[in-house]
Protein backbone atom coordinates (compact mmCIF):
# COMPACT_ATOMS: atom_id res chain seq x y z
CA MET A 1 -56.71 8.28 0.84
CA GLU A 2 -56.60 8.11 -2.91
CA ALA A 3 -59.64 5.94 -3.72
CA VAL A 4 -61.97 3.33 -2.00
CA ALA A 5 -63.69 0.29 -3.18
CA GLY A 6 -66.28 -1.16 -0.89
CA SER A 7 -67.59 -0.34 2.38
CA THR A 8 -65.37 1.30 5.08
CA ALA A 9 -67.98 0.30 7.74
CA VAL A 10 -66.26 -3.01 8.33
CA THR A 11 -64.72 -4.44 11.73
CA ILE A 12 -61.32 -6.14 11.32
CA ASN A 13 -59.58 -8.60 13.61
CA ALA A 14 -55.87 -7.84 12.97
CA ILE A 15 -53.56 -6.09 10.62
CA HIS A 16 -50.79 -7.83 8.55
CA PHE A 17 -48.25 -6.83 5.86
CA ASP A 18 -47.02 -10.53 5.59
CA SER A 19 -49.86 -12.49 3.38
CA ARG A 20 -48.84 -15.67 5.12
CA LYS A 21 -50.24 -14.50 8.33
CA VAL A 22 -53.61 -13.26 7.17
CA GLN A 23 -56.74 -15.01 8.59
CA LEU A 24 -60.37 -14.45 8.29
CA ASN A 25 -61.64 -10.77 8.63
CA ASP A 26 -58.07 -9.58 8.73
CA LEU A 27 -56.53 -6.36 7.11
CA PHE A 28 -53.69 -6.94 4.63
CA VAL A 29 -51.41 -3.91 3.76
CA ALA A 30 -49.51 -4.37 0.54
CA VAL A 31 -46.13 -2.75 1.20
CA ARG A 32 -43.42 -2.47 -1.41
CA GLY A 33 -40.37 -3.87 0.25
CA THR A 34 -36.71 -3.94 -1.05
CA ILE A 35 -37.17 -7.68 -2.03
CA SER A 36 -40.73 -8.36 -2.70
CA ASP A 37 -43.73 -6.21 -3.68
CA GLY A 38 -46.74 -6.88 -1.30
CA HIS A 39 -49.04 -6.12 -4.16
CA ARG A 40 -48.30 -9.33 -5.57
CA TYR A 41 -49.86 -11.31 -2.61
CA ILE A 42 -53.15 -9.24 -2.54
CA GLU A 43 -55.07 -12.29 -4.13
CA THR A 44 -53.46 -14.75 -1.74
CA ALA A 45 -54.52 -12.58 1.27
CA VAL A 46 -58.15 -12.30 -0.01
CA ASN A 47 -58.22 -16.09 -0.56
CA GLN A 48 -57.06 -16.38 2.93
CA GLY A 49 -59.93 -14.38 4.18
CA ALA A 50 -58.89 -10.81 4.31
CA LEU A 51 -61.75 -8.41 4.61
CA ALA A 52 -59.76 -5.23 3.70
CA ILE A 53 -56.77 -4.33 1.59
CA VAL A 54 -54.67 -1.29 1.92
CA CYS A 55 -52.56 -0.69 -1.22
CA GLU A 56 -50.79 1.92 -3.39
CA GLU A 57 -52.52 0.54 -6.60
CA LEU A 58 -55.88 -1.07 -6.75
CA PRO A 59 -55.87 -4.62 -8.34
CA GLU A 60 -57.53 -5.19 -11.68
CA ASN A 61 -59.68 -7.94 -9.96
CA ILE A 62 -61.93 -6.29 -7.20
CA VAL A 63 -63.53 -9.00 -5.15
CA ASN A 64 -67.30 -8.16 -3.89
CA GLY A 65 -67.39 -7.94 0.01
CA VAL A 66 -63.76 -7.03 0.20
CA THR A 67 -62.75 -3.44 0.97
CA TYR A 68 -59.83 -1.95 -1.05
CA VAL A 69 -58.37 1.35 0.27
CA GLN A 70 -55.66 2.95 -2.10
CA VAL A 71 -53.11 5.26 -0.44
CA GLU A 72 -50.12 7.17 -1.43
CA ASN A 73 -47.73 5.41 0.72
CA ALA A 74 -48.52 1.97 2.20
CA GLN A 75 -45.60 2.01 4.62
CA THR A 76 -46.83 5.33 6.10
CA ALA A 77 -50.43 4.00 6.13
CA LEU A 78 -49.35 0.81 7.98
CA ALA A 79 -47.33 2.89 10.70
CA PHE A 80 -50.50 4.95 11.47
CA MET A 81 -52.81 2.00 11.49
CA ALA A 82 -50.36 0.08 13.80
CA ALA A 83 -50.23 2.86 16.28
CA ASN A 84 -54.10 3.28 16.28
CA TYR A 85 -54.68 -0.39 16.50
CA TYR A 86 -52.61 -0.52 19.68
CA GLY A 87 -53.97 2.67 21.15
CA ASN A 88 -51.16 5.02 20.33
CA PRO A 89 -48.96 3.60 22.99
CA SER A 90 -45.91 5.80 22.32
CA GLY A 91 -47.92 8.73 23.87
CA ASN A 92 -48.22 6.90 27.18
CA LEU A 93 -44.65 6.87 28.16
CA LYS A 94 -41.41 9.06 27.32
CA LEU A 95 -40.09 7.59 24.09
CA VAL A 96 -36.42 8.77 23.18
CA GLY A 97 -34.78 7.69 19.88
CA VAL A 98 -31.22 7.31 19.40
CA THR A 99 -29.78 7.49 15.75
CA GLY A 100 -26.32 7.89 14.12
CA THR A 101 -23.92 5.58 12.53
CA ASN A 102 -22.08 4.36 15.73
CA GLY A 103 -23.02 4.34 19.43
CA LYS A 104 -26.95 3.74 19.07
CA THR A 105 -26.82 0.43 20.81
CA THR A 106 -24.52 1.60 23.55
CA VAL A 107 -26.45 4.77 24.37
CA ALA A 108 -29.96 3.16 24.24
CA THR A 109 -28.90 0.26 26.34
CA LEU A 110 -26.87 2.23 29.14
CA LEU A 111 -29.93 4.77 29.09
CA TYR A 112 -32.12 1.79 29.82
CA GLN A 113 -29.70 0.50 32.57
CA LEU A 114 -29.44 4.12 34.04
CA PHE A 115 -33.01 4.57 34.44
CA MET A 116 -33.80 1.07 35.62
CA LYS A 117 -30.98 1.69 38.53
CA ALA A 118 -32.66 4.81 39.29
CA GLY A 119 -35.80 3.08 40.16
CA PHE A 120 -38.06 3.39 36.93
CA LYS A 121 -39.88 0.88 34.84
CA VAL A 122 -37.98 1.31 31.50
CA GLY A 123 -38.31 -0.10 28.04
CA LEU A 124 -35.62 -0.85 25.35
CA LEU A 125 -35.85 -1.49 21.73
CA SER A 126 -32.37 -2.07 20.45
CA THR A 127 -30.15 -4.33 18.05
CA VAL A 128 -29.26 -6.63 20.79
CA LYS A 129 -32.57 -7.27 22.65
CA VAL A 130 -35.93 -5.74 23.48
CA MET A 131 -36.63 -5.24 27.19
CA VAL A 132 -40.42 -4.55 28.61
CA ALA A 133 -39.33 -3.60 32.20
CA ASP A 134 -37.27 -6.64 33.33
CA LYS A 135 -38.59 -9.03 30.63
CA ALA A 136 -36.32 -9.87 27.65
CA PHE A 137 -37.33 -10.57 24.24
CA PRO A 138 -34.86 -11.26 21.32
CA ALA A 139 -34.42 -8.53 18.65
CA THR A 140 -34.53 -9.16 15.04
CA HIS A 141 -33.92 -5.67 13.57
CA THR A 142 -32.30 -2.47 14.81
CA THR A 143 -35.74 -0.94 14.20
CA PRO A 144 -38.51 -3.46 14.10
CA ASP A 145 -41.60 -3.10 11.65
CA SER A 146 -44.24 -0.59 12.97
CA LEU A 147 -46.61 -3.42 13.96
CA THR A 148 -43.83 -5.01 16.21
CA ILE A 149 -42.83 -1.56 17.61
CA ASN A 150 -46.36 -0.57 18.73
CA GLU A 151 -47.11 -4.06 20.03
CA TYR A 152 -43.81 -3.76 22.32
CA LEU A 153 -44.94 -0.33 23.35
CA TYR A 154 -48.40 -1.50 24.26
CA LYS A 155 -46.86 -4.35 26.44
CA MET A 156 -44.73 -1.58 27.96
CA ASN A 157 -47.95 0.47 28.79
CA ALA A 158 -49.43 -2.59 30.33
CA GLU A 159 -46.45 -2.96 32.65
CA GLY A 160 -46.60 0.68 33.59
CA VAL A 161 -43.18 1.57 31.85
CA GLU A 162 -42.33 5.27 32.08
CA PHE A 163 -39.31 5.65 29.77
CA CYS A 164 -38.42 3.72 26.56
CA PHE A 165 -35.09 4.18 24.79
CA MET A 166 -35.15 3.07 21.17
CA GLU A 167 -32.51 2.67 18.36
CA VAL A 168 -33.69 4.47 15.31
CA SER A 169 -31.97 3.23 12.22
CA SER A 170 -31.88 4.99 8.83
CA HIS A 171 -33.74 1.97 7.27
CA GLY A 172 -36.31 2.20 10.05
CA ILE A 173 -36.86 5.99 9.09
CA ALA A 174 -36.91 5.60 5.33
CA GLN A 175 -39.45 2.72 5.58
CA LYS A 176 -41.78 4.78 7.85
CA ARG A 177 -41.67 2.43 10.67
CA THR A 178 -41.37 5.19 13.19
CA ALA A 179 -43.74 7.60 11.32
CA ALA A 180 -46.62 7.51 13.84
CA LEU A 181 -44.42 7.45 17.02
CA ARG A 182 -44.61 10.29 19.53
CA PHE A 183 -41.06 10.89 20.61
CA ALA A 184 -40.16 12.72 23.83
CA GLY A 185 -36.70 13.25 22.59
CA ALA A 186 -33.98 12.26 19.88
CA ILE A 187 -30.21 11.97 20.20
CA PHE A 188 -27.72 12.12 17.31
CA THR A 189 -24.45 10.49 17.91
CA ASN A 190 -22.40 10.78 14.85
CA LEU A 191 -22.48 10.17 11.05
CA SER A 192 -20.02 8.23 8.82
CA HIS A 193 -19.89 5.63 6.01
CA ASP A 194 -22.48 2.97 6.25
CA HIS A 195 -25.54 1.52 4.51
CA LEU A 196 -24.68 3.15 1.37
CA ASP A 197 -25.90 0.07 -0.44
CA TYR A 198 -29.31 1.12 0.60
CA HIS A 199 -29.27 4.88 0.66
CA LYS A 200 -26.98 5.11 -2.60
CA ASN A 201 -25.23 8.32 -1.17
CA PHE A 202 -24.16 10.07 2.02
CA ALA A 203 -26.39 13.16 1.59
CA GLU A 204 -29.44 10.82 1.45
CA TYR A 205 -28.35 8.81 4.23
CA ARG A 206 -27.79 12.07 6.40
CA ASP A 207 -31.19 13.52 5.27
CA VAL A 208 -32.98 10.32 6.28
CA LYS A 209 -31.50 10.56 9.59
CA LYS A 210 -32.43 14.17 9.86
CA GLN A 211 -36.27 13.34 9.37
CA LEU A 212 -36.52 12.05 12.99
CA PHE A 213 -35.48 15.60 14.22
CA ASP A 214 -37.68 17.33 11.51
CA ASP A 215 -40.89 15.34 13.09
CA LEU A 216 -40.22 15.98 16.71
CA PRO A 217 -42.93 17.91 18.55
CA PRO A 218 -42.16 21.34 20.12
CA SER A 219 -42.42 19.59 23.59
CA ALA A 220 -39.52 17.18 22.81
CA PHE A 221 -35.87 17.73 23.19
CA ALA A 222 -33.20 17.25 20.24
CA LEU A 223 -29.56 16.34 21.62
CA VAL A 224 -26.92 16.21 19.05
CA ASN A 225 -23.21 15.82 19.10
CA VAL A 226 -21.69 18.99 17.53
CA ASP A 227 -18.09 17.72 17.26
CA ASP A 228 -19.74 15.89 14.12
CA LYS A 229 -20.25 18.47 11.63
CA ASN A 230 -23.66 16.86 10.88
CA GLY A 231 -24.89 17.50 14.17
CA LEU A 232 -25.99 21.10 13.58
CA VAL A 233 -27.67 19.89 10.12
CA MET A 234 -30.02 17.48 12.25
CA MET A 235 -31.32 20.47 14.09
CA GLN A 236 -31.95 22.83 11.07
CA ASN A 237 -35.76 22.41 10.89
CA THR A 238 -36.60 20.75 14.32
CA ARG A 239 -39.32 22.50 16.44
CA ALA A 240 -38.18 20.58 19.56
CA LYS A 241 -35.91 22.14 22.23
CA LYS A 242 -32.28 22.12 21.20
CA PHE A 243 -29.30 20.80 23.13
CA THR A 244 -25.83 20.11 22.06
CA TYR A 245 -22.90 17.87 23.53
CA ALA A 246 -19.28 17.66 22.54
CA LEU A 247 -15.66 16.89 23.75
CA ARG A 248 -13.93 19.43 21.41
CA SER A 249 -16.55 22.02 20.81
CA TYR A 250 -18.39 24.54 22.87
CA ALA A 251 -21.69 22.77 23.90
CA ASP A 252 -24.52 22.77 26.43
CA TYR A 253 -22.91 19.41 27.84
CA ASN A 254 -19.13 18.99 27.65
CA ALA A 255 -16.71 16.18 28.65
CA HIS A 256 -13.00 16.15 29.38
CA ILE A 257 -10.94 12.85 29.46
CA LEU A 258 -8.78 12.80 32.41
CA GLU A 259 -7.62 9.18 32.39
CA ASN A 260 -8.03 6.54 29.50
CA GLN A 261 -6.73 3.05 30.15
CA PHE A 262 -8.15 -0.69 29.73
CA GLY A 263 -9.67 -0.51 33.26
CA GLY A 264 -11.89 2.52 32.16
CA LEU A 265 -12.24 6.10 31.88
CA LEU A 266 -12.02 9.06 34.33
CA LEU A 267 -14.16 11.99 32.87
CA LYS A 268 -15.09 15.33 33.80
CA LEU A 269 -18.80 15.81 32.79
CA ASN A 270 -19.99 19.35 32.82
CA GLY A 271 -17.48 20.07 35.63
CA HIS A 272 -18.18 16.77 37.67
CA GLU A 273 -15.55 14.00 37.89
CA VAL A 274 -16.80 10.40 37.27
CA TRP A 275 -15.06 6.99 36.87
CA SER A 276 -16.52 4.74 34.30
CA LYS A 277 -15.82 1.07 33.55
CA LEU A 278 -16.24 1.83 29.81
CA VAL A 279 -13.16 2.37 27.72
CA GLY A 280 -12.25 4.85 24.93
CA ASN A 281 -12.98 8.17 23.50
CA PHE A 282 -16.02 6.91 21.50
CA ASN A 283 -17.33 5.80 25.01
CA ALA A 284 -16.67 9.33 26.36
CA TYR A 285 -19.19 10.61 23.81
CA ASN A 286 -21.65 7.84 24.68
CA LEU A 287 -21.33 8.57 28.52
CA LEU A 288 -21.79 12.44 27.89
CA ALA A 289 -24.88 11.75 25.96
CA ILE A 290 -26.17 9.48 28.57
CA TYR A 291 -25.46 12.10 31.29
CA ALA A 292 -27.12 14.74 29.22
CA VAL A 293 -30.32 12.70 28.80
CA GLY A 294 -30.48 11.90 32.54
CA GLU A 295 -30.36 15.70 33.13
CA LEU A 296 -33.04 16.43 30.65
CA LEU A 297 -35.35 13.83 31.84
CA GLY A 298 -35.00 14.98 35.46
CA LEU A 299 -32.47 12.76 37.21
CA GLU A 300 -30.79 14.45 40.18
CA THR A 301 -27.20 15.15 39.08
CA GLN A 302 -25.45 13.32 41.94
CA GLU A 303 -27.60 10.21 41.29
CA ASN A 304 -27.04 10.43 37.67
CA LEU A 305 -23.22 10.64 38.06
CA ARG A 306 -23.33 7.68 40.73
CA ILE A 307 -25.23 5.51 38.44
CA ILE A 308 -23.09 6.26 35.41
CA SER A 309 -20.09 4.93 37.42
CA GLU A 310 -21.88 1.53 37.96
CA LEU A 311 -22.71 1.14 34.23
CA GLU A 312 -21.37 -2.07 32.53
CA SER A 313 -20.07 -2.45 28.94
CA VAL A 314 -22.91 -3.58 26.33
CA SER A 315 -22.33 -7.09 25.06
CA GLY A 316 -19.99 -7.13 22.13
CA ARG A 317 -18.81 -3.58 22.55
CA PHE A 318 -15.19 -3.45 23.74
CA GLN A 319 -15.81 -6.57 25.80
CA TYR A 320 -12.48 -8.09 26.70
CA VAL A 321 -10.74 -10.92 28.48
CA VAL A 322 -7.16 -11.13 29.76
CA THR A 323 -5.56 -14.67 30.01
CA GLY A 324 -2.83 -15.58 32.55
CA LYS A 325 -0.28 -15.14 29.87
CA LYS A 326 -1.31 -11.45 29.93
CA ILE A 327 -2.71 -11.60 26.48
CA THR A 328 -5.66 -9.12 26.10
CA ALA A 329 -8.44 -10.24 23.81
CA ILE A 330 -11.07 -7.63 22.82
CA VAL A 331 -14.32 -8.34 21.04
CA ASP A 332 -16.06 -5.38 19.31
CA TYR A 333 -19.01 -5.05 17.10
CA ALA A 334 -16.96 -2.57 14.99
CA HIS A 335 -18.25 -3.25 11.35
CA THR A 336 -18.04 0.24 9.74
CA PRO A 337 -14.85 1.97 8.70
CA ASP A 338 -15.37 4.65 11.52
CA ALA A 339 -16.29 2.16 14.34
CA LEU A 340 -13.14 0.22 13.37
CA LYS A 341 -11.02 3.31 13.31
CA ASN A 342 -12.28 4.29 16.66
CA VAL A 343 -11.55 1.05 18.50
CA LEU A 344 -8.15 0.60 17.03
CA GLU A 345 -7.35 4.26 17.87
CA THR A 346 -8.38 3.55 21.30
CA ILE A 347 -6.37 0.55 21.74
CA ASN A 348 -3.31 2.32 20.37
CA GLU A 349 -3.74 5.34 22.71
CA ILE A 350 -3.84 3.00 25.81
CA ARG A 351 -1.20 0.47 24.76
CA THR A 352 2.57 1.01 25.47
CA LYS A 353 3.56 0.12 21.75
CA ASN A 354 6.10 -2.74 23.06
CA GLU A 355 3.36 -5.35 22.31
CA GLU A 356 1.66 -6.58 19.07
CA LEU A 357 -1.90 -5.39 18.06
CA ILE A 358 -3.23 -8.27 16.21
CA THR A 359 -6.61 -7.58 14.36
CA VAL A 360 -9.18 -10.11 13.05
CA VAL A 361 -11.67 -8.50 10.85
CA GLY A 362 -13.85 -9.08 7.97
CA CYS A 363 -16.85 -7.41 6.09
CA GLY A 364 -20.27 -9.02 5.69
CA GLY A 365 -21.70 -10.16 2.44
CA ASP A 366 -24.77 -8.71 0.51
CA ARG A 367 -24.03 -5.33 2.16
CA ASP A 368 -22.23 -2.13 1.07
CA ARG A 369 -19.23 -3.07 -0.85
CA THR A 370 -17.66 0.31 -0.99
CA LYS A 371 -16.61 0.20 2.50
CA ARG A 372 -14.84 -3.10 2.37
CA PRO A 373 -11.40 -1.51 0.95
CA VAL A 374 -11.82 1.22 3.55
CA MET A 375 -11.90 -1.27 6.34
CA GLY A 376 -8.99 -3.10 4.92
CA LYS A 377 -6.80 0.23 4.72
CA ILE A 378 -7.65 1.17 8.30
CA ALA A 379 -7.07 -2.26 9.75
CA ALA A 380 -3.60 -2.58 8.24
CA ALA A 381 -2.56 1.06 9.01
CA LEU A 382 -3.46 1.01 12.70
CA SER A 383 -2.38 -2.84 13.66
CA THR A 384 0.92 -4.46 13.74
CA LYS A 385 -0.55 -7.72 12.33
CA VAL A 386 -4.01 -8.21 10.43
CA ILE A 387 -6.00 -11.36 9.66
CA PHE A 388 -8.73 -10.75 7.18
CA THR A 389 -11.51 -13.29 7.51
CA SER A 390 -15.15 -14.10 6.94
CA ASP A 391 -17.80 -12.03 8.78
CA ASN A 392 -21.22 -13.03 7.83
CA PRO A 393 -20.82 -14.05 4.01
CA ARG A 394 -24.49 -14.54 3.69
CA THR A 395 -24.94 -15.45 0.00
CA GLU A 396 -21.55 -14.14 -1.26
CA ASP A 397 -18.29 -16.02 -1.91
CA PRO A 398 -16.33 -15.15 1.14
CA GLU A 399 -13.06 -15.36 -0.72
CA LYS A 400 -14.32 -12.55 -3.15
CA ILE A 401 -15.27 -10.41 -0.13
CA LEU A 402 -11.71 -10.75 1.23
CA ILE A 403 -10.41 -9.76 -2.24
CA ASP A 404 -12.42 -6.40 -1.88
CA VAL A 405 -11.04 -5.91 1.56
CA GLU A 406 -7.40 -6.68 0.61
CA ALA A 407 -7.69 -3.99 -2.24
CA GLY A 408 -7.55 -1.35 0.31
CA VAL A 409 -4.19 -2.14 1.94
CA GLU A 410 -1.41 0.32 1.13
CA PRO A 411 1.79 -1.21 -0.19
CA GLN A 412 3.87 -0.42 2.93
CA ASN A 413 1.39 -2.50 4.95
CA PHE A 414 1.07 -5.65 2.69
CA LYS A 415 3.50 -7.56 5.00
CA LYS A 416 1.44 -7.02 7.88
CA THR A 417 -1.57 -8.99 6.45
CA MET A 418 -2.78 -12.36 5.85
CA SER A 419 -6.30 -13.93 4.83
CA VAL A 420 -7.94 -16.86 6.52
CA VAL A 421 -11.26 -17.47 5.16
CA ASN A 422 -12.48 -19.62 8.16
CA ARG A 423 -13.35 -17.43 10.79
CA ARG A 424 -12.69 -19.92 13.62
CA GLN A 425 -9.33 -20.64 11.98
CA ALA A 426 -8.40 -16.94 11.89
CA ILE A 427 -9.14 -16.54 15.73
CA LYS A 428 -7.10 -19.57 16.42
CA THR A 429 -4.20 -18.18 14.32
CA ALA A 430 -4.10 -15.04 16.05
CA CYS A 431 -4.06 -16.45 19.48
CA GLN A 432 -1.10 -18.68 18.34
CA LEU A 433 0.64 -15.64 16.97
CA ALA A 434 -0.01 -13.64 20.31
CA LYS A 435 2.95 -13.47 22.82
CA PRO A 436 2.63 -12.35 26.51
CA ASN A 437 1.29 -8.72 26.53
CA ASP A 438 -0.03 -8.80 23.04
CA ILE A 439 -3.34 -7.39 22.22
CA ILE A 440 -5.98 -9.24 20.03
CA LEU A 441 -8.78 -7.33 18.37
CA ILE A 442 -11.76 -9.31 16.96
CA ALA A 443 -13.97 -7.00 15.15
CA GLY A 444 -17.17 -7.08 13.19
CA LYS A 445 -19.64 -9.37 15.03
CA GLY A 446 -19.33 -8.45 18.58
CA HIS A 447 -22.61 -9.50 20.45
CA GLU A 448 -23.77 -11.88 17.64
CA THR A 449 -23.72 -15.49 18.35
CA TYR A 450 -23.99 -16.93 14.92
CA GLN A 451 -22.31 -16.87 11.41
CA GLU A 452 -24.69 -16.75 8.42
CA ILE A 453 -23.56 -18.58 5.31
CA ASN A 454 -25.84 -19.25 2.34
CA GLY A 455 -28.96 -18.47 4.40
CA LYS A 456 -28.09 -20.72 7.22
CA ARG A 457 -27.28 -19.65 10.68
CA SER A 458 -24.86 -21.63 12.78
CA ASP A 459 -23.63 -21.12 16.34
CA PHE A 460 -20.59 -18.76 16.37
CA ASP A 461 -19.70 -16.60 19.32
CA ASP A 462 -16.47 -14.72 18.91
CA PHE A 463 -16.11 -13.93 22.75
CA LYS A 464 -16.41 -17.85 23.58
CA ILE A 465 -14.24 -18.91 20.75
CA VAL A 466 -11.30 -16.54 21.64
CA SER A 467 -11.54 -17.30 25.41
CA ASP A 468 -11.61 -21.29 24.71
CA PHE A 469 -8.41 -20.85 22.48
CA LEU A 470 -6.60 -18.56 24.88
CA ASN A 471 -7.47 -20.96 27.69
CA GLU A 472 -6.17 -24.06 25.68
CA LEU A 473 -2.83 -22.11 25.19
CA GLU A 474 -2.65 -21.95 29.01
CA LYS A 475 -2.73 -25.74 29.55
């Protein structure tokens, strides 16, 4: 604590960082956000009945009967208060964090499936959804705020949950949302170009991810992908037990791809053959990480392998439908250059090259602009036809976003590309262009069932829309 004004011998009802939720005898934490500064709402919180204020700067107007606590970092203070308020629930189960640019959702969700199928009560905190044992809740952020995280963990404690798998985003770490959590383990998948609108440069983005590993206790495990050069960086200062996984390098856990087709993968995981319904090299990494965590958390090897062979693809991650005309439509969440490159390379490894690969892709508005031309370049280079379109434009002009994307296309690939601003029309165009045996990739939104334009969300499900258009063509 930097300074205190008023008595600390007060009993509060609830903690809030949103002044609109403050009621009589609550505590308000003034957090400096990326859009607004909570210090501007201290007076509002007091007027609504706040009994205590936690802030980084004491206000000029100190109200009698209200306690003010000045701290160095309000986000960190909020994280520890949230954990204490809910009885430090992360310490009552085994919490495993998954961080990296790509693969977080797949790894966390499949680990949830693995341990549920093994007979345990399990929790999940992910981009797609939150699970408290078998009860589902909608997800709003990759890593929720610290109050929400601890509230869910508290609910998991009440349900007797033994393991929880959690996506840990760079935003979540930077904003101290995970600061007071007790992790039993952490997984690093990979690192590539993303969120540089927030982190400014790659080194900062990497070092924020590394913080998760720096803070692990000696009792925890750190599992990293050493085929990514940043894997060993993650472990430099960790006190946790260190483990590695890789397809190309020497590691504690290794995988070899024996077969790779649209029906799935045949893998050798640490010498054990297993068939998976998941597709592509990137999923070989995901499955290897899942296998390793199963071993590290005590699953018997044969049971681990048996359940891995039953795991289903995560919604919006290489989800695909094949119509009667033998057109394959793939819906994938790929919204970073690396993820788009992975999914296109996977399709190109499997296809015969006698068919067209038609890619529908865009970039979100109000997000990292530097990745847009890179996405355009990759899409045009690795597809036979590309339709650039809107993703979630948010408050940006979608036509200007498309200009940014098109700027990356190399001259020899100009003829492959076209732009259709309306996403539904772009998907329809791809279906009309496709001939028997062709492959359509619709990238960027994956599991999302909405499109956000000028602050308004409307229903939009890539998987449903492409299925409907292809079914119409069958009639």
